């Protein structure tokens, strides 16, 4: 799984756990703690200090105080980017706290950082590592921390965890009661590191209770008021191993200036140098207590001169006889100084200094008795694989500096190996790479060893910014390069990021440092990123503006780059006359625009002079020239000065018109000019369909209307097409546009095409006209033609004669309509009387010729009793009675009473609780609302004379949506219908139509077997209790 990068972009110590307001170091740790299965690398900026200021203590969630690293399934990396170290400083915490706390199961790696300012009243001033915790310090300094109040581990307290110090890490200037630098009660391994200038009561550098391994490390200039100036080992669980290590310049107030190994501590010292350390009254300037020495120098140390007989080099029982160099045996017992050991107070050591490698060492001066005096068989195994060749059983290949451990055939005694030949040198080349437009391109550096080495050679490398920036222009890269024996060339790749930004060539560096087994002759490679992006292009946009009536107004021109550039771009501009003249219409302007890096747009203004003269629009130009770092693709902008001075123009309008289809074949609209003009006036027109259809209801037209001088009206003629269909009113529009010498006030005229002729005198419809409506209150008559007509009377006494065709007689009897007569014949089509819209109850009998009172507003007489087939009720509770014809009676709203009498009738109750009587023949009772069933659409109807086997209950599938039967008489799905003995059983039936034999009620059980009727309800009650079957029902669409 790829590592997730969290880049810290603020030094503010905020703790919202997100990057919403900038990502702080504490935010990044909170994010990592919340996601223990994700591997994170937190990146800090080298050279920057991150102060901890969020006060609080012991909450162990990283919200305040120290930075808590919680249990996780991988290592959390905190890394400084760039050549310098980032500093994490806890001195600003008012409550006093350490810097880091690695909790149980936590894992933290610090790379190239400084940990400082920690001060705590218990253990671990800088960093505390709890049980099962893991800490890895790589080229990291822990300094200036303290464990106050008489506690342990000023720099680091390892409480049963695992701690690594590697690659130039330093523990310095820390203090505590015990373990000024480090107190170890777990596993501590130091490689290529330094423990210096720490102080405590005991164990100035390191106080060890558990497992301590020190390799290629210098422990120097630490001090203890009690014992163990450099290292204190205490207790039977203490195990100390020193390999290729220098213990120098440490002091103890009592015993063990360099190392104090007492209380059962087991200390093994191999190929190490212990010198220049000082002890107090208990002696043992170099070593006090018990130890095992091999290939090791213990000489040049100091005891307490006030107590004669105490050992200045060794005080205690030490096992030797293993090729050691001992300065003095005073105070020593055991086998040390016997057999193969050399006893010589002059070890021939140089001062502690930088002799190469990652820590300070003492050279073996010419003539030193330690040179070539060791035993190769006693060189310890490379258990920590410091040469990274995967072999942990081979003898350790390097001395403390990283040079060959055996040079000249026999190993030297101590941590320093005199090299028999000049070390090879390391150099690095410079690289130039073309950046590209996308993705990354590798810049490959070659690191060269001047001569092959018989042992491995390593060197650290790290990128650093020049004019290029890590993260934007290239990807930072750090690591260790290893030359295996015999190799002389190695490569390092740095990913260069492509872009399309024109910019200068940029540089970065690849720096070499901390070589082992060779010296660095050239420590820096220069990486040059060659820009391959074309310069951006420059263009200028055209503009226009009203001139105004007085003074000046600014016209703004915009000059744009096709893309941002990191170069500075300039371009000159200047105005030039078109039809406008500089000085009278605008102000001449010149200048230079400068685009700074990142800019993509610039503006400048030219002043336009206002006037009140009616004139044509005028133009001038702005020209671009002499661009630097860019190419001009559009060098000229056209500026249009819009004339805003006008004389008063007449206005145009068009009227609306209504045409009766069949009566008129043309719609003639009038276009009117508000006042006569001395100039020719014209305007374009075109038809636009509304509800009317072009070339079906009318013929499309477009054209131009022209007004002769001093005229004010003109006409537009649109052909109207008669279709002999009785239909609703239809409309089209005639739109005006593009006037000349006039403005438009009303731009659209509406043409309404109607099938209804309105008349205020007795009228007979001509053929081709469908409908006739009488106006006024006069006693006049209306007569139809052979088409299907709709006749509507007025408030007078009218005679309405439909004639042939299926005619409709409209009566809205909500207002007084007089006493009317319908004149029909038996062969006059299938005719309908409609009371639609009538709010009062209507009563009509189609089987009588006597004058009937429909309601208080209308009396009606039929010319014969068997000439009208259909009646449509209104909104009231109507009573509609048929005749011997096949009637369709529609109740509408209200609680209606419908009686069919003779004929095969269709009765439609509509909404409300209706009473329906079919009559003598086979009748149909229709239930269809045009939508899914609701009880409000029907009510509960009473059917008085339903005859099973003859009459039909007709149901619409669109309304009764649950039914699965197909359209037709009877039910195709028998399961749709069932009968029950009593109403109480209807709601539990699985059928959708349930007939109660006991009550005669038919229910619509919309949800089938579910409890209740769902959205259904009781529909009708057959009061004569017929034996209803599925065959008595019919399904329609």
Foldseek 3Di string as FASTA:
>chain_A
DDAAEAEFDDLDQAAPLDCPPTQHPLNVQLVCQVPQAGEYEYEDEFPEEREFAFEDDDPQRSRHQARHFEAHDDEHEYEYAFDHAYEYADLNHPVAAAHYEYDANGHYEYARYEFEHHEEQEEARHYEYAAQYYYEYALYEQAHGEHPNAYYARRYEYHAYEYEADHQYEQEHAEHQAARRYEDPHHYEYALYEFEHGEHQAQQRYEYAAHYEYYLYEQAHGEHAAEAQRYEYAAQRAEYEYALYEQAHGEYQAEAQRYEHDHNHEYEYEQAEFAHGEYHNQAQSRYEEEYEYALAEQEHAQYHPVDPQGYRRYAYEYEYLHQYEYADCRNYHHNPPDHLYHHHNCQQWADFDPPAFSGTDTERHPPGPQALSHAPVRQAFQQVPPLPPPGRGHGDQAASRQAGQDAPHGGGRHRDHDHPDAFWEKAKEAWEDAQAAADWDKTKIKIFTRFFDQAKKKKKKWKHFDQDDDPPFWPIDIDMDIDGGPDTMDMDIIITGHHQAAEQKGKMKMAIHRMHRHHYPHGIYIYIHHYDHAQWEKAKEAEEDAQAAADKDKDKIKIFTPFFHQDKKKKKKWKFADQDDDPAFWPTDIDMDIDHGPDTMDMDITITGHHQDDDQKGKIKMAIDDMDSYHYPHGIYIYIHHYPHDDDFWAKAKAAEEAEFPVDFKDKIKIFTNFFAQDKKKKKKWKFFDQDDDPAQWDTDIDMDIDDGGDTMDIDMTTGDQDLDQDAKTKMKMAIDDMDRYHYDHGIYMYIYHLEDEEQAADEDDPSRAEYEYDDADAHEYEYDQEAHEYEYALYEYEYEDAAYAYEYEDCQLAARYEYEYEFDQRRYAYEYENANHQEEFEDALQDQDWAPRDPRYIYGYPHSRRYAEYAAYQEAYEYHYHQEAHEYHHAHYAYEYADAHYAYEYEDWFDAYEYEDHDFAYEYEDDDPAAEACRGAPEYEYEDDDPPRYAYEYECRHLVQQPADFWAFGPDQQQEDEDQAPVCVQQAQHQWYAHLPFQWIWGQNVGRDGGSVNIGTHYHHRVRYPDGRNRYGYDD
